[in-house]
Amino acid sequence: MKKISILIPCYNEEENVIPMSEAIVNLFESELSQYDYELLFIDNDSKDKTRTLLREICAGNEHIKAIFNAKNFGQFNSPYYGILQTTGDCTISMVCDFQDPIDLIPQYIREWENGYKIVIGIKQTSKENPVMYRLRSIYYKMIKKFSNIEQIEHFTGSGLYDKEFVDVLRNLKDPTPFLRGIVAELGYKRKEIPYEQPQRRAGKTHNNFYTLYDAAMLSFTSYTKIGLRLATFMGVGIGILSTILGVVYLVMKLIYWNRFAAGMAPMLIGIFFLGAIQLFFLGFMGEYILSMNQRIMNRPLVIEEERINFKDAHEENIRDDDSICKIRGLM
C-alpha cells in the first residue's frame, strides 16, 4: 500500500488545526482509503493554543504527527524542513488556513499515479485582496523576465513531491531554501493544476510588508543578476551623462563668460541625485551580500523542541541522520 504524506506548516492556527486534521482524515477514509497516510504538522513556535490542540489531535490518531520548533525559523525554512521529515512515497504540502483547497489532494495524487513526480497548484484567480493579487502578478512577471531560471507564476509551494524529489531536497544542503525556485530550477517534469484561492477559513494572515519583502528579495537575489547589472549599467550611463553635461557647461561658460551663471542649484540637485542612486544600489548589493552571508554561515534549517508520534525505527533513523547533518552544519 502506498503511503501519502501530508505536510501542514502552522503558526498561530488554533482555529484551523482541528478542522484541517478532520478534513484530511475524512478525505483519506472516504475517497483515498486505498492509501496509507501520515499527516505531519510542523509548528513554527505558535503563541496561541495551537500546540495544545496538536497534542490532543496526535493523541487521538497515530497517523497524525507533530514537530514543534524551538523558535520561529521563518516562512521558508520550516515548511522545507517539514518536507524532509516525511516518510511517504510522496509528500503533499498544504497551508493550514484552507487557502489551498483540500479538493486538490485527490487531483495531485491522480496525476502522480499518471507518472508525474511533481504536481503543483497554480492560482488562476483569488478571493484575496484584488490589489494584492495584482501586485503579486506584477512581481511574478518581473522576476520571470529578469531571471535566467524558469519562474512559476502564482505558485505558492502547494503541491505533491515524489520521494525521489524529496531526496533531491535532502541533498541540497541549502540553509536558505526557496522551494518555489527550487521546483522550477531542479524539479522533474511537472503537472500544473489551476485553482481558485479561497479566503482564509479563520484567523488573520501572517504576511506583512516585511515578510513579503523578504520573500521577494530571497527570490530576487537567488535567481536574478539584474540588480548588480543594473547598478553597473546605471553607473556607466550616469557617468557618461555627467561628462557630457560637464563639457556643455564648460563650453557655455567659455563662450558666455560674463552672462552664463550656472548657480548652485544644478550642482546640489546632481549631488543629491547621485547620492540617492548610490544608497539605493548599496542597499541592493547588501541584499545579495546578506543572502551570501546566510549561506556561508550554513546554520541549521530548524532546531526542534519536540516530536510527537514519531515511533517507527525508520523514522528514528531519519531523525538521527538529520541530527548528524545539523552537527556537521550540513543543513
Protein backbone atom coordinates (compact mmCIF):
# COMPACT_ATOMS: atom_id res chain seq x y z
CA MET A 1 0.00 0.00 0.00
CA LYS A 2 1.44 3.37 -0.99
CA LYS A 3 1.88 5.94 1.71
CA ILE A 4 0.94 9.60 1.24
CA SER A 5 2.48 12.23 3.50
CA ILE A 6 0.61 15.48 4.07
CA LEU A 7 2.63 18.37 5.45
CA ILE A 8 0.84 21.27 7.15
CA PRO A 9 3.05 24.14 8.37
CA CYS A 10 1.32 26.24 11.00
CA TYR A 11 1.81 29.33 13.11
CA ASN A 12 -0.96 30.63 15.40
CA GLU A 13 -3.62 28.48 13.73
CA GLU A 14 -5.67 27.45 16.75
CA GLU A 15 -8.89 27.97 14.79
CA ASN A 16 -7.80 25.85 11.85
CA VAL A 17 -5.72 22.87 13.01
CA ILE A 18 -8.66 20.74 14.18
CA PRO A 19 -10.88 21.38 11.10
CA MET A 20 -7.85 20.78 8.86
CA SER A 21 -6.96 17.47 10.51
CA GLU A 22 -10.59 16.32 10.41
CA ALA A 23 -10.95 17.26 6.74
CA ILE A 24 -7.82 15.36 5.69
CA VAL A 25 -8.59 12.28 7.80
CA ASN A 26 -12.15 12.16 6.40
CA LEU A 27 -10.77 12.53 2.87
CA PHE A 28 -8.47 9.53 3.27
CA GLU A 29 -11.13 7.42 4.95
CA SER A 30 -13.73 8.13 2.26
CA GLU A 31 -12.08 8.88 -1.10
CA LEU A 32 -8.50 7.69 -0.62
CA SER A 33 -8.92 4.58 1.52
CA GLN A 34 -6.58 2.61 -0.79
CA TYR A 35 -3.65 4.65 0.55
CA ASP A 36 -1.87 4.71 3.86
CA TYR A 37 -1.17 8.23 5.09
CA GLU A 38 0.63 10.38 7.61
CA LEU A 39 -0.37 13.91 8.49
CA LEU A 40 2.53 16.00 9.76
CA PHE A 41 2.03 19.40 11.37
CA ILE A 42 5.18 21.48 11.86
CA ASP A 43 4.55 24.34 14.26
CA ASN A 44 6.74 27.43 13.98
CA ASP A 45 6.60 28.44 17.66
CA SER A 46 2.94 29.44 17.87
CA LYS A 47 1.93 31.77 20.68
CA ASP A 48 -1.72 30.70 20.93
CA LYS A 49 -3.29 27.29 21.70
CA THR A 50 -2.09 25.63 18.50
CA ARG A 51 0.38 23.32 20.26
CA THR A 52 -2.09 22.27 22.92
CA LEU A 53 -4.61 21.35 20.24
CA LEU A 54 -1.99 19.50 18.20
CA ARG A 55 -1.09 17.36 21.22
CA GLU A 56 -4.75 16.42 21.61
CA ILE A 57 -5.09 15.64 17.89
CA CYS A 58 -1.97 13.46 17.88
CA ALA A 59 -3.12 11.60 20.98
CA GLY A 60 -6.31 10.56 19.18
CA ASN A 61 -4.77 9.41 15.89
CA GLU A 62 -1.37 7.74 15.45
CA HIS A 63 -1.34 8.77 11.77
CA ILE A 64 -1.08 12.42 12.85
CA LYS A 65 2.36 13.67 13.86
CA ALA A 66 3.75 16.99 15.00
CA ILE A 67 7.08 18.76 15.17
CA PHE A 68 7.41 21.79 17.45
CA ASN A 69 10.17 24.21 16.50
CA ALA A 70 12.25 25.74 19.29
CA LYS A 71 11.55 29.20 17.81
CA ASN A 72 10.14 30.79 14.69
CA PHE A 73 12.52 29.92 11.85
CA GLY A 74 10.68 31.80 9.14
CA GLN A 75 8.12 31.10 6.46
CA PHE A 76 10.52 29.18 4.19
CA ASN A 77 12.76 27.08 6.44
CA SER A 78 10.02 25.47 8.50
CA PRO A 79 7.90 24.03 5.62
CA TYR A 80 11.04 22.94 3.76
CA TYR A 81 12.37 21.16 6.84
CA GLY A 82 8.97 19.54 7.36
CA ILE A 83 9.06 18.06 3.86
CA LEU A 84 12.43 16.49 4.68
CA GLN A 85 10.93 14.74 7.72
CA THR A 86 8.14 12.97 5.84
CA THR A 87 8.37 9.25 5.06
CA GLY A 88 5.70 8.69 2.40
CA ASP A 89 6.07 7.68 -1.22
CA CYS A 90 5.14 11.28 -1.94
CA THR A 91 4.63 14.42 0.12
CA ILE A 92 1.83 16.96 -0.30
CA SER A 93 2.36 20.41 1.18
CA MET A 94 -0.72 22.47 2.09
CA VAL A 95 -1.27 25.60 4.18
CA CYS A 96 -3.31 25.34 7.37
CA ASP A 97 -5.79 28.13 6.65
CA PHE A 98 -7.61 26.25 3.84
CA GLN A 99 -6.39 28.65 1.14
CA ASP A 100 -5.03 25.54 -0.56
CA PRO A 101 -8.32 23.67 -1.19
CA ILE A 102 -8.45 20.13 0.19
CA ASP A 103 -10.04 19.06 -3.11
CA LEU A 104 -6.62 19.43 -4.71
CA ILE A 105 -5.24 16.39 -2.86
CA PRO A 106 -7.07 13.73 -4.96
CA GLN A 107 -6.13 15.64 -8.12
CA TYR A 108 -2.49 15.75 -7.07
CA ILE A 109 -2.47 12.01 -6.35
CA ARG A 110 -4.23 11.17 -9.63
CA GLU A 111 -1.59 12.97 -11.66
CA TRP A 112 1.16 11.41 -9.55
CA GLU A 113 -0.21 7.97 -10.36
CA ASN A 114 -0.11 9.02 -14.02
CA GLY A 115 3.65 9.37 -13.75
CA TYR A 116 4.33 12.96 -12.71
CA LYS A 117 6.86 13.27 -9.87
CA ILE A 118 5.86 16.87 -9.19
CA VAL A 119 2.28 18.15 -9.26
CA ILE A 120 1.68 21.74 -8.20
CA GLY A 121 -1.27 24.08 -7.76
CA ILE A 122 -1.36 27.36 -9.66
CA LYS A 123 -3.62 30.21 -8.53
CA GLN A 124 -5.68 31.23 -11.55
CA THR A 125 -7.88 33.55 -9.51
CA SER A 126 -8.05 34.53 -5.88
CA LYS A 127 -10.63 35.81 -3.42
CA GLU A 128 -7.94 37.70 -1.54
CA ASN A 129 -7.49 41.46 -1.78
CA PRO A 130 -7.57 42.23 -5.55
CA VAL A 131 -4.86 44.87 -5.14
CA MET A 132 -2.52 42.32 -3.54
CA TYR A 133 -3.28 39.78 -6.25
CA ARG A 134 -2.46 42.36 -8.93
CA LEU A 135 0.79 43.31 -7.19
CA ARG A 136 1.75 39.65 -6.96
CA SER A 137 1.05 39.24 -10.67
CA ILE A 138 3.31 42.20 -11.49
CA TYR A 139 6.04 40.79 -9.26
CA TYR A 140 5.87 37.31 -10.84
CA LYS A 141 6.08 38.76 -14.34
CA MET A 142 9.02 40.97 -13.37
CA ILE A 143 11.01 38.18 -11.72
CA LYS A 144 10.22 35.88 -14.64
CA LYS A 145 11.52 38.46 -17.11
CA PHE A 146 14.74 39.16 -15.24
CA SER A 147 15.61 35.62 -14.14
CA ASN A 148 17.73 33.25 -16.19
CA ILE A 149 15.94 30.38 -14.42
CA GLU A 150 12.33 29.49 -15.16
CA GLN A 151 9.93 31.05 -12.67
CA ILE A 152 6.43 29.71 -11.99
CA GLU A 153 3.76 32.39 -11.76
CA HIS A 154 1.30 32.22 -8.84
CA PHE A 155 2.87 29.10 -7.37
CA THR A 156 2.78 29.29 -3.58
CA GLY A 157 4.50 25.99 -2.79
CA SER A 158 1.36 23.87 -2.57
CA GLY A 159 1.88 20.65 -4.44
CA LEU A 160 2.86 16.98 -4.45
CA TYR A 161 6.50 15.96 -4.45
CA ASP A 162 7.59 12.41 -5.15
CA LYS A 163 10.03 10.85 -2.67
CA GLU A 164 12.75 10.98 -5.35
CA PHE A 165 12.44 14.77 -5.47
CA VAL A 166 12.31 14.91 -1.66
CA ASP A 167 15.66 13.09 -1.69
CA VAL A 168 16.96 15.79 -4.03
CA LEU A 169 15.86 18.40 -1.48
CA ARG A 170 17.59 16.49 1.33
CA ASN A 171 20.88 16.59 -0.57
CA LEU A 172 20.78 20.31 -1.42
CA LYS A 173 22.16 21.48 1.93
CA ASP A 174 20.79 24.97 1.35
CA PRO A 175 20.36 26.90 4.65
CA THR A 176 18.07 29.47 2.98
CA PRO A 177 15.89 27.36 0.69
CA PHE A 178 13.31 28.91 -1.62
CA LEU A 179 11.13 25.94 -2.59
CA ARG A 180 9.27 27.73 -5.38
CA GLY A 181 12.52 28.47 -7.17
CA ILE A 182 14.00 25.03 -6.47
CA VAL A 183 10.98 23.30 -8.02
CA ALA A 184 11.40 25.36 -11.19
CA GLU A 185 15.18 25.02 -11.32
CA LEU A 186 15.81 21.42 -10.25
CA GLY A 187 12.46 19.68 -10.36
CA TYR A 188 11.30 16.91 -12.64
CA LYS A 189 8.74 17.40 -15.38
CA ARG A 190 5.68 18.67 -13.56
CA LYS A 191 1.92 18.90 -13.89
CA GLU A 192 0.23 22.19 -13.05
CA ILE A 193 -3.32 22.23 -11.71
CA PRO A 194 -5.17 25.58 -11.73
CA TYR A 195 -7.41 26.53 -8.82
CA GLU A 196 -9.17 29.49 -7.28
CA GLN A 197 -7.67 30.53 -3.98
CA PRO A 198 -10.39 31.00 -1.35
CA GLN A 199 -10.22 33.36 1.59
CA ARG A 200 -8.78 32.19 4.89
CA ARG A 201 -11.22 29.99 6.78
CA ALA A 202 -10.40 31.73 10.08
CA GLY A 203 -7.73 33.81 11.74
CA LYS A 204 -5.54 36.56 10.33
CA THR A 205 -2.90 36.40 7.67
CA HIS A 206 0.66 36.35 8.99
CA ASN A 207 2.03 38.14 5.94
CA ASN A 208 3.03 41.77 6.25
CA PHE A 209 5.26 44.15 4.32
CA TYR A 210 8.41 42.72 5.88
CA THR A 211 7.62 39.06 5.15
CA LEU A 212 6.52 39.84 1.59
CA TYR A 213 9.64 41.94 1.04
CA ASP A 214 11.79 39.14 2.48
CA ALA A 215 10.23 36.63 0.07
CA ALA A 216 10.70 38.96 -2.88
CA MET A 217 14.35 39.64 -2.05
CA LEU A 218 15.11 35.95 -1.47
CA SER A 219 13.87 35.03 -4.94
CA PHE A 220 15.43 38.13 -6.49
CA THR A 221 18.90 37.55 -5.07
CA SER A 222 18.76 33.78 -5.64
CA TYR A 223 17.62 33.78 -9.25
CA THR A 224 18.47 37.13 -10.87
CA LYS A 225 21.57 39.20 -11.65
CA ILE A 226 19.62 42.25 -12.72
CA GLY A 227 20.26 44.21 -9.51
CA LEU A 228 24.03 44.13 -9.83
CA ARG A 229 23.96 44.53 -13.61
CA LEU A 230 21.58 47.48 -13.33
CA ALA A 231 23.94 49.18 -10.88
CA THR A 232 26.79 48.77 -13.36
CA PHE A 233 24.80 49.99 -16.36
CA MET A 234 23.34 52.95 -14.50
CA GLY A 235 26.76 53.89 -13.16
CA VAL A 236 28.20 53.90 -16.68
CA GLY A 237 25.19 55.77 -18.05
CA ILE A 238 25.21 58.45 -15.37
CA GLY A 239 28.98 58.81 -15.75
CA ILE A 240 28.64 59.42 -19.49
CA LEU A 241 25.76 61.84 -18.94
CA SER A 242 27.73 63.73 -16.29
CA THR A 243 30.72 64.01 -18.62
CA ILE A 244 28.55 65.39 -21.43
CA LEU A 245 26.89 67.92 -19.11
CA GLY A 246 30.27 68.94 -17.74
CA VAL A 247 31.61 69.58 -21.23
CA VAL A 248 28.45 71.54 -22.16
CA TYR A 249 28.74 73.71 -19.04
CA LEU A 250 32.41 74.33 -19.73
CA VAL A 251 31.77 75.36 -23.35
CA MET A 252 28.85 77.59 -22.33
CA LYS A 253 30.98 79.26 -19.66
CA LEU A 254 33.87 79.85 -22.06
CA ILE A 255 31.59 81.32 -24.74
CA TYR A 256 29.38 83.37 -22.43
CA TRP A 257 31.83 84.08 -19.59
CA ASN A 258 30.01 87.01 -18.07
CA ARG A 259 26.43 86.10 -18.97
CA PHE A 260 26.33 82.36 -18.11
CA ALA A 261 25.82 81.79 -14.41
CA ALA A 262 25.46 78.09 -13.59
CA GLY A 263 24.50 78.69 -9.99
CA MET A 264 24.44 76.16 -7.13
CA ALA A 265 21.06 74.56 -7.86
CA PRO A 266 22.24 72.16 -10.63
CA MET A 267 25.21 71.10 -8.51
CA LEU A 268 23.08 70.41 -5.43
CA ILE A 269 20.46 68.52 -7.44
CA GLY A 270 23.18 66.44 -9.08
CA ILE A 271 24.82 65.63 -5.74
CA PHE A 272 21.55 64.56 -4.10
CA PHE A 273 20.55 62.53 -7.17
CA LEU A 274 23.85 60.68 -7.32
CA GLY A 275 23.78 60.16 -3.55
CA ALA A 276 20.30 58.62 -3.77
CA ILE A 277 21.39 56.33 -6.61
CA GLN A 278 24.44 55.20 -4.66
CA LEU A 279 22.47 54.48 -1.49
CA PHE A 280 19.83 52.57 -3.44
CA PHE A 281 22.34 50.27 -5.07
CA LEU A 282 24.38 49.89 -1.90
CA GLY A 283 21.19 48.55 -0.33
CA PHE A 284 20.58 46.33 -3.33
CA MET A 285 24.09 44.90 -3.20
CA GLY A 286 23.64 44.49 0.54
CA GLU A 287 20.71 42.14 -0.14
CA TYR A 288 22.96 39.95 -2.28
CA ILE A 289 25.69 40.02 0.37
CA LEU A 290 23.14 39.16 3.08
CA SER A 291 21.95 36.18 1.02
CA MET A 292 25.56 35.04 0.56
CA ASN A 293 26.29 35.50 4.26
CA GLN A 294 23.36 33.34 5.30
CA ARG A 295 24.55 30.57 3.02
CA ILE A 296 28.15 30.84 4.18
CA MET A 297 27.13 30.59 7.85
CA ASN A 298 25.25 27.39 6.92
CA ARG A 299 23.04 27.40 10.01
CA PRO A 300 20.54 24.57 10.62
CA LEU A 301 17.19 24.93 8.89
CA VAL A 302 15.30 24.32 12.14
CA ILE A 303 16.02 23.36 15.74
CA GLU A 304 13.35 21.04 17.10
CA GLU A 305 11.90 21.30 20.55
CA GLU A 306 9.60 18.27 20.48
CA ARG A 307 8.33 15.48 18.24
CA ILE A 308 5.05 13.63 18.65
CA ASN A 309 4.07 10.19 17.24
CA PHE A 310 7.44 9.53 15.58
CA LYS A 311 7.80 5.92 16.68
CA ASP A 312 8.98 3.81 13.74
CA ALA A 313 12.61 2.79 13.67
CA HIS A 314 12.89 4.01 10.09
CA GLU A 315 11.69 7.45 11.11
CA GLU A 316 14.03 7.50 14.10
CA ASN A 317 16.89 6.76 11.72
CA ILE A 318 15.85 9.72 9.62
CA ARG A 319 15.85 11.88 12.74
CA ASP A 320 19.32 10.64 13.67
CA ASP A 321 20.59 11.39 10.19
CA ASP A 322 19.16 14.91 10.40
CA SER A 323 20.81 15.40 13.79
CA ILE A 324 24.15 14.38 12.33
CA CYS A 325 23.60 16.83 9.48
CA LYS A 326 22.87 19.60 11.98
CA ILE A 327 26.03 18.85 13.97
CA ARG A 328 28.13 18.92 10.86
CA GLY A 329 26.44 22.11 9.68
CA LEU A 330 25.22 20.46 6.50
CA MET A 331 21.64 21.63 6.93
